[in-house]
PDB file of N, CA and C in Angstrom:
ATOM      1  N   MET A   1      92.440 102.027  71.466  1.00  0.00           N
ATOM      2  CA  MET A   1      91.987 102.698  72.841  1.00  0.00           C
ATOM      3  C   MET A   1      93.415 102.672  73.412  1.00  0.00           C
ATOM      4  N   GLU A   2      93.984 103.591  73.985  1.00  0.00           N
ATOM      5  CA  GLU A   2      95.079 104.044  74.832  1.00  0.00           C
ATOM      6  C   GLU A   2      94.818 103.707  76.062  1.00  0.00           C
ATOM      7  N   LEU A   3      95.423 103.084  77.076  1.00  0.00           N
ATOM      8  CA  LEU A   3      95.169 103.247  78.626  1.00  0.00           C
ATOM      9  C   LEU A   3      96.454 103.837  79.133  1.00  0.00           C
ATOM     10  N   THR A   4      96.312 104.456  80.303  1.00  0.00           N
ATOM     11  CA  THR A   4      97.400 105.402  80.964  1.00  0.00           C
ATOM     12  C   THR A   4      97.985 104.243  81.580  1.00  0.00           C
ATOM     13  N   LYS A   5      99.444 104.695  82.170  1.00  0.00           N
ATOM     14  CA  LYS A   5      99.910 103.607  82.967  1.00  0.00           C
ATOM     15  C   LYS A   5      99.106 103.349  84.291  1.00  0.00           C
ATOM     16  N   GLU A   6      98.467 104.332  84.854  1.00  0.00           N
ATOM     17  CA  GLU A   6      97.763 103.946  85.842  1.00  0.00           C
ATOM     18  C   GLU A   6      96.553 103.160  85.601  1.00  0.00           C
ATOM     19  N   GLU A   7      95.688 103.306  84.392  1.00  0.00           N
ATOM     20  CA  GLU A   7      94.828 102.748  84.041  1.00  0.00           C
ATOM     21  C   GLU A   7      95.192 101.124  84.082  1.00  0.00           C
ATOM     22  N   LYS A   8      96.210 100.942  83.165  1.00  0.00           N
ATOM     23  CA  LYS A   8      96.828  99.568  83.204  1.00  0.00           C
ATOM     24  C   LYS A   8      97.006  98.806  84.528  1.00  0.00           C
ATOM     25  N   ILE A   9      97.854  99.744  85.393  1.00  0.00           N
ATOM     26  CA  ILE A   9      97.800  98.864  86.815  1.00  0.00           C
ATOM     27  C   ILE A   9      96.592  98.843  87.727  1.00  0.00           C
ATOM     28  N   VAL A  10      95.515  99.639  87.435  1.00  0.00           N
ATOM     29  CA  VAL A  10      94.371  99.109  87.979  1.00  0.00           C
ATOM     30  C   VAL A  10      93.600  98.302  87.355  1.00  0.00           C
ATOM     31  N   LEU A  11      93.541  98.140  86.006  1.00  0.00           N
ATOM     32  CA  LEU A  11      93.238  96.873  85.070  1.00  0.00           C
ATOM     33  C   LEU A  11      93.505  95.267  85.764  1.00  0.00           C
ATOM     34  N   ILE A  12      95.052  95.627  85.728  1.00  0.00           N
ATOM     35  CA  ILE A  12      95.835  94.369  86.626  1.00  0.00           C
ATOM     36  C   ILE A  12      95.409  93.860  87.770  1.00  0.00           C
ATOM     37  N   SER A  13      95.113  94.919  88.852  1.00  0.00           N
ATOM     38  CA  SER A  13      94.711  94.740  90.106  1.00  0.00           C
ATOM     39  C   SER A  13      93.265  94.095  89.712  1.00  0.00           C
ATOM     40  N   MET A  14      92.171  94.667  89.011  1.00  0.00           N
ATOM     41  CA  MET A  14      91.047  94.110  88.807  1.00  0.00           C
ATOM     42  C   MET A  14      91.317  92.606  88.523  1.00  0.00           C
ATOM     43  N   VAL A  15      91.779  92.255  87.462  1.00  0.00           N
ATOM     44  CA  VAL A  15      92.185  90.990  87.065  1.00  0.00           C
ATOM     45  C   VAL A  15      92.752  90.175  88.432  1.00  0.00           C
ATOM     46  N   THR A  16      93.642  90.503  89.172  1.00  0.00           N
ATOM     47  CA  THR A  16      94.065  89.698  90.316  1.00  0.00           C
ATOM     48  C   THR A  16      92.919  89.396  91.297  1.00  0.00           C
ATOM     49  N   ASP A  17      92.042  90.470  91.388  1.00  0.00           N
ATOM     50  CA  ASP A  17      90.961  89.959  92.710  1.00  0.00           C
ATOM     51  C   ASP A  17      90.219  88.920  91.789  1.00  0.00           C
ATOM     52  N   CYS A  18      90.169  89.011  90.534  1.00  0.00           N
ATOM     53  CA  CYS A  18      89.456  87.826  89.773  1.00  0.00           C
ATOM     54  C   CYS A  18      90.244  86.558  89.963  1.00  0.00           C
ATOM     55  N   LEU A  19      91.306  86.596  89.728  1.00  0.00           N
ATOM     56  CA  LEU A  19      92.201  85.116  89.618  1.00  0.00           C
ATOM     57  C   LEU A  19      92.542  85.043  91.232  1.00  0.00           C
ATOM     58  N   ASP A  20      93.781  85.281  91.278  1.00  0.00           N
ATOM     59  CA  ASP A  20      94.522  85.587  92.666  1.00  0.00           C
ATOM     60  C   ASP A  20      95.755  85.713  92.261  1.00  0.00           C
ATOM     61  N   VAL A  21      96.691  86.217  93.477  1.00  0.00           N
ATOM     62  CA  VAL A  21      98.073  86.394  93.222  1.00  0.00           C
ATOM     63  C   VAL A  21      98.783  85.425  92.626  1.00  0.00           C
ATOM     64  N   GLU A  22      98.510  84.089  93.143  1.00  0.00           N
ATOM     65  CA  GLU A  22      99.404  82.967  92.754  1.00  0.00           C
ATOM     66  C   GLU A  22      99.562  82.610  91.283  1.00  0.00           C
ATOM     67  N   ALA A  23      98.014  82.525  90.861  1.00  0.00           N
ATOM     68  CA  ALA A  23      97.718  82.377  89.378  1.00  0.00           C
ATOM     69  C   ALA A  23      98.480  83.566  88.505  1.00  0.00           C
ATOM     70  N   LEU A  24      98.469  84.578  88.772  1.00  0.00           N
ATOM     71  CA  LEU A  24      99.379  85.792  88.160  1.00  0.00           C
ATOM     72  C   LEU A  24     100.629  85.579  88.092  1.00  0.00           C
ATOM     73  N   ILE A  25     101.465  85.205  89.418  1.00  0.00           N
ATOM     74  CA  ILE A  25     102.787  84.748  89.587  1.00  0.00           C
ATOM     75  C   ILE A  25     102.997  83.749  88.623  1.00  0.00           C
ATOM     76  N   GLU A  26     102.199  82.524  88.530  1.00  0.00           N
ATOM     77  CA  GLU A  26     102.225  81.390  87.825  1.00  0.00           C
ATOM     78  C   GLU A  26     102.331  81.972  86.064  1.00  0.00           C
ATOM     79  N   LEU A  27     101.535  83.003  86.045  1.00  0.00           N
ATOM     80  CA  LEU A  27     101.055  83.197  84.458  1.00  0.00           C
ATOM     81  C   LEU A  27     102.550  84.427  84.060  1.00  0.00           C
ATOM     82  N   CYS A  28     102.942  84.943  84.997  1.00  0.00           N
ATOM     83  CA  CYS A  28     103.719  86.271  84.499  1.00  0.00           C
ATOM     84  C   CYS A  28     105.216  86.035  85.239  1.00  0.00           C
ATOM     85  N   GLY A  29     105.453  85.466  86.497  1.00  0.00           N
ATOM     86  CA  GLY A  29     106.580  85.206  87.139  1.00  0.00           C
ATOM     87  C   GLY A  29     106.750  85.915  88.184  1.00  0.00           C
ATOM     88  N   LYS A  30     107.323  85.733  89.407  1.00  0.00           N
ATOM     89  CA  LYS A  30     107.603  86.171  90.797  1.00  0.00           C
ATOM     90  C   LYS A  30     108.056  87.439  90.543  1.00  0.00           C
ATOM     91  N   GLU A  31     109.253  87.629  89.647  1.00  0.00           N
ATOM     92  CA  GLU A  31     110.048  88.856  89.564  1.00  0.00           C
ATOM     93  C   GLU A  31     109.034  89.672  89.051  1.00  0.00           C
ATOM     94  N   THR A  32     108.296  89.817  87.782  1.00  0.00           N
ATOM     95  CA  THR A  32     107.726  90.641  87.121  1.00  0.00           C
ATOM     96  C   THR A  32     106.434  91.134  88.010  1.00  0.00           C
ATOM     97  N   ILE A  33     105.973  90.094  88.873  1.00  0.00           N
ATOM     98  CA  ILE A  33     104.583  90.838  89.820  1.00  0.00           C
ATOM     99  C   ILE A  33     105.436  91.246  90.739  1.00  0.00           C
ATOM    100  N   SER A  34     106.348  91.139  91.481  1.00  0.00           N
ATOM    101  CA  SER A  34     107.234  92.141  92.443  1.00  0.00           C
ATOM    102  C   SER A  34     107.388  93.359  91.863  1.00  0.00           C
ATOM    103  N   LYS A  35     107.834  93.436  90.675  1.00  0.00           N
ATOM    104  CA  LYS A  35     107.926  94.934  90.102  1.00  0.00           C
ATOM    105  C   LYS A  35     106.592  95.896  89.886  1.00  0.00           C
ATOM    106  N   LEU A  36     105.739  94.780  89.536  1.00  0.00           N
ATOM    107  CA  LEU A  36     104.288  95.585  89.222  1.00  0.00           C
ATOM    108  C   LEU A  36     103.873  95.900  90.722  1.00  0.00           C
ATOM    109  N   ASP A  37     104.186  95.158  91.758  1.00  0.00           N
ATOM    110  CA  ASP A  37     103.827  95.489  92.993  1.00  0.00           C
ATOM    111  C   ASP A  37     104.206  97.032  93.642  1.00  0.00           C
ATOM    112  N   VAL A  38     105.498  97.017  93.258  1.00  0.00           N
ATOM    113  CA  VAL A  38     106.354  98.413  93.622  1.00  0.00           C
ATOM    114  C   VAL A  38     105.620  99.353  93.112  1.00  0.00           C
ATOM    115  N   LEU A  39     105.537  99.263  91.434  1.00  0.00           N
ATOM    116  CA  LEU A  39     104.614 100.364  90.727  1.00  0.00           C
ATOM    117  C   LEU A  39     103.306 100.614  91.294  1.00  0.00           C
ATOM    118  N   SER A  40     102.645  99.485  91.615  1.00  0.00           N
ATOM    119  CA  SER A  40     101.386  99.752  92.171  1.00  0.00           C
ATOM    120  C   SER A  40     101.439 100.638  93.441  1.00  0.00           C
ATOM    121  N   ILE A  41     102.223 100.124  94.381  1.00  0.00           N
ATOM    122  CA  ILE A  41     102.380 101.041  95.728  1.00  0.00           C
ATOM    123  C   ILE A  41     102.751 102.459  95.498  1.00  0.00           C
ATOM    124  N   ASP A  42     103.541 102.565  94.471  1.00  0.00           N
ATOM    125  CA  ASP A  42     104.167 103.857  94.199  1.00  0.00           C
ATOM    126  C   ASP A  42     103.164 104.947  93.849  1.00  0.00           C
ATOM    127  N   MET A  43     102.143 103.995  92.783  1.00  0.00           N
ATOM    128  CA  MET A  43     101.033 105.173  92.027  1.00  0.00           C
ATOM    129  C   MET A  43     100.028 105.323  93.052  1.00  0.00           C
ATOM    130  N   VAL A  44      99.853 104.397  93.973  1.00  0.00           N
ATOM    131  CA  VAL A  44      98.797 104.698  94.990  1.00  0.00           C
ATOM    132  C   VAL A  44      99.049 105.817  96.175  1.00  0.00           C
ATOM    133  N   GLY A  45     100.231 105.668  96.303  1.00  0.00           N
ATOM    134  CA  GLY A  45     101.184 106.616  97.049  1.00  0.00           C
ATOM    135  C   GLY A  45     100.973 107.991  96.508  1.00  0.00           C
ATOM    136  N   ASN A  46     101.058 108.315  95.181  1.00  0.00           N
ATOM    137  CA  ASN A  46     101.243 109.565  94.594  1.00  0.00           C
ATOM    138  C   ASN A  46      99.880 109.806  93.682  1.00  0.00           C
ATOM    139  N   THR A  47      98.666 109.240  94.102  1.00  0.00           N
ATOM    140  CA  THR A  47      97.770 109.713  93.378  1.00  0.00           C
ATOM    141  C   THR A  47      96.536 109.923  94.485  1.00  0.00           C
ATOM    142  N   THR A  48      95.885 110.981  94.238  1.00  0.00           N
ATOM    143  CA  THR A  48      94.690 111.530  95.084  1.00  0.00           C
ATOM    144  C   THR A  48      93.599 110.404  95.047  1.00  0.00           C
ATOM    145  N   PRO A  49      93.013 110.238  96.183  1.00  0.00           N
ATOM    146  CA  PRO A  49      91.645 109.458  96.246  1.00  0.00           C
ATOM    147  C   PRO A  49      90.907 109.717  95.181  1.00  0.00           C
ATOM    148  N   ASN A  50      90.541 110.836  95.103  1.00  0.00           N
ATOM    149  CA  ASN A  50      89.549 111.144  93.787  1.00  0.00           C
ATOM    150  C   ASN A  50      90.020 110.525  92.541  1.00  0.00           C
ATOM    151  N   LYS A  51      91.495 110.664  92.288  1.00  0.00           N
ATOM    152  CA  LYS A  51      91.700 110.191  90.909  1.00  0.00           C
ATOM    153  C   LYS A  51      91.717 108.974  90.685  1.00  0.00           C
ATOM    154  N   MET A  52      92.049 108.209  92.214  1.00  0.00           N
ATOM    155  CA  MET A  52      92.043 106.812  92.232  1.00  0.00           C
ATOM    156  C   MET A  52      90.389 106.101  91.663  1.00  0.00           C
ATOM    157  N   ASN A  53      89.624 106.974  92.430  1.00  0.00           N
ATOM    158  CA  ASN A  53      88.211 106.569  92.130  1.00  0.00           C
ATOM    159  C   ASN A  53      87.708 106.824  90.848  1.00  0.00           C
ATOM    160  N   GLU A  54      88.418 107.811  89.962  1.00  0.00           N
ATOM    161  CA  GLU A  54      88.073 107.828  88.655  1.00  0.00           C
ATOM    162  C   GLU A  54      88.405 107.066  87.491  1.00  0.00           C
ATOM    163  N   ILE A  55      89.811 106.477  88.153  1.00  0.00           N
ATOM    164  CA  ILE A  55      90.728 105.390  86.987  1.00  0.00           C
ATOM    165  C   ILE A  55      89.904 104.087  86.769  1.00  0.00           C
ATOM    166  N   GLY A  56      89.171 103.304  87.836  1.00  0.00           N
ATOM    167  CA  GLY A  56      88.566 102.194  87.348  1.00  0.00           C
ATOM    168  C   GLY A  56      87.332 102.670  86.426  1.00  0.00           C
ATOM    169  N   PRO A  57      86.689 103.358  86.553  1.00  0.00           N
ATOM    170  CA  PRO A  57      85.339 103.452  85.616  1.00  0.00           C
ATOM    171  C   PRO A  57      86.058 103.903  84.512  1.00  0.00           C
ATOM    172  N   SER A  58      87.079 104.582  84.202  1.00  0.00           N
ATOM    173  CA  SER A  58      87.794 104.844  83.269  1.00  0.00           C
ATOM    174  C   SER A  58      87.959 103.704  82.149  1.00  0.00           C
ATOM    175  N   VAL A  59      88.660 102.755  82.877  1.00  0.00           N
ATOM    176  CA  VAL A  59      89.347 101.446  82.205  1.00  0.00           C
ATOM    177  C   VAL A  59      88.299 100.886  81.824  1.00  0.00           C
ATOM    178  N   VAL A  60      87.097 100.760  82.542  1.00  0.00           N
ATOM    179  CA  VAL A  60      85.976  99.907  82.123  1.00  0.00           C
ATOM    180  C   VAL A  60      85.051 100.562  80.866  1.00  0.00           C
ATOM    181  N   LYS A  61      85.089 101.728  80.915  1.00  0.00           N
ATOM    182  CA  LYS A  61      84.466 102.599  80.095  1.00  0.00           C
ATOM    183  C   LYS A  61      85.166 102.537  78.556  1.00  0.00           C
ATOM    184  N   LYS A  62      86.415 102.574  78.733  1.00  0.00           N
ATOM    185  CA  LYS A  62      87.278 102.341  77.592  1.00  0.00           C
ATOM    186  C   LYS A  62      87.352 100.869  76.819  1.00  0.00           C
ATOM    187  N   LEU A  63      87.108  99.892  78.080  1.00  0.00           N
ATOM    188  CA  LEU A  63      87.093  98.445  77.072  1.00  0.00           C
ATOM    189  C   LEU A  63      86.011  98.352  76.353  1.00  0.00           C
ATOM    190  N   VAL A  64      84.793  98.678  77.312  1.00  0.00           N
ATOM    191  CA  VAL A  64      83.345  98.543  76.738  1.00  0.00           C
ATOM    192  C   VAL A  64      83.397  99.213  75.457  1.00  0.00           C
ATOM    193  N   ASN A  65      83.746 100.506  75.178  1.00  0.00           N
ATOM    194  CA  ASN A  65      83.677 101.467  74.226  1.00  0.00           C
ATOM    195  C   ASN A  65      84.537 100.776  72.790  1.00  0.00           C
ATOM    196  N   SER A  66      85.538  99.910  73.267  1.00  0.00           N
ATOM    197  CA  SER A  66      86.564  99.571  72.457  1.00  0.00           C
ATOM    198  C   SER A  66      85.984  98.150  71.881  1.00  0.00           C
ATOM    199  N   ILE A  67      85.285  97.413  72.682  1.00  0.00           N
ATOM    200  CA  ILE A  67      84.802  96.083  72.081  1.00  0.00           C
ATOM    201  C   ILE A  67      83.449  96.594  71.426  1.00  0.00           C
ATOM    202  N   LEU A  68      82.727  97.712  71.510  1.00  0.00           N
ATOM    203  CA  LEU A  68      81.931  97.991  70.827  1.00  0.00           C
ATOM    204  C   LEU A  68      82.405  98.457  69.528  1.00  0.00           C
ATOM    205  N   ASP A  69      83.389  99.511  69.440  1.00  0.00           N
ATOM    206  CA  ASP A  69      83.901 100.051  68.370  1.00  0.00           C
ATOM    207  C   ASP A  69      84.584  98.864  67.320  1.00  0.00           C
ATOM    208  N   ASP A  70      84.925  97.860  67.884  1.00  0.00           N
ATOM    209  CA  ASP A  70      85.281  96.915  67.069  1.00  0.00           C
ATOM    210  C   ASP A  70      84.394  95.935  66.707  1.00  0.00           C
ATOM    211  N   GLU A  71      83.127  95.656  67.272  1.00  0.00           N
ATOM    212  CA  GLU A  71      82.340  94.837  67.091  1.00  0.00           C
ATOM    213  C   GLU A  71      81.392  95.338  66.123  1.00  0.00           C
ATOM    214  N   LEU A  72      80.847  96.673  66.368  1.00  0.00           N
ATOM    215  CA  LEU A  72      79.524  97.158  65.706  1.00  0.00           C
ATOM    216  C   LEU A  72      79.542  97.194  64.354  1.00  0.00           C
ATOM    217  N   PRO A  73      81.086  97.725  63.538  1.00  0.00           N
ATOM    218  CA  PRO A  73      80.913  97.904  62.335  1.00  0.00           C
ATOM    219  C   PRO A  73      81.086  96.560  61.362  1.00  0.00           C
ATOM    220  N   THR A  74      81.448  95.358  62.111  1.00  0.00           N
ATOM    221  CA  THR A  74      81.368  94.091  61.861  1.00  0.00           C
ATOM    222  C   THR A  74      79.894  93.583  61.364  1.00  0.00           C
ATOM    223  N   ARG A  75      79.047  93.992  62.441  1.00  0.00           N
ATOM    224  CA  ARG A  75      77.656  93.481  62.478  1.00  0.00           C
ATOM    225  C   ARG A  75      76.788  94.210  61.646  1.00  0.00           C
ATOM    226  N   LEU A  76      77.194  95.918  61.481  1.00  0.00           N
ATOM    227  CA  LEU A  76      76.667  96.443  60.583  1.00  0.00           C
ATOM    228  C   LEU A  76      76.972  96.053  59.154  1.00  0.00           C
ATOM    229  N   GLU A  77      78.026  95.831  58.649  1.00  0.00           N
ATOM    230  CA  GLU A  77      78.655  95.136  57.366  1.00  0.00           C
ATOM    231  C   GLU A  77      77.902  93.823  57.007  1.00  0.00           C
ATOM    232  N   GLY A  78      77.795  92.693  58.015  1.00  0.00           N
ATOM    233  CA  GLY A  78      76.733  91.760  58.057  1.00  0.00           C
ATOM    234  C   GLY A  78      75.415  91.687  57.448  1.00  0.00           C
ATOM    235  N   SER A  79      74.896  92.900  58.133  1.00  0.00           N
ATOM    236  CA  SER A  79      73.629  92.992  57.828  1.00  0.00           C
ATOM    237  C   SER A  79      72.726  93.626  56.629  1.00  0.00           C
ATOM    238  N   GLU A  80      73.952  93.797  55.689  1.00  0.00           N
ATOM    239  CA  GLU A  80      73.635  94.472  54.404  1.00  0.00           C
ATOM    240  C   GLU A  80      72.909  93.350  53.544  1.00  0.00           C
TER     241      GLU A  80
END
């Protein structure tokens, strides 16, 4: 599974919503999160609203498919 730069930024944003910025800063460092913030603001400013609405569902779909692709063959092999 390959995520685009935009999808990665949106995914981190989703994680930030679940954790909080302080937890992310503790995990990655303030300088790293500041750089990510600049990239995020730039991406939002250069992406159409329609494209932004497509990115979140695209990330979720790719993650779900990736999990299922990894898990399903293992389960099928074990049922023989």
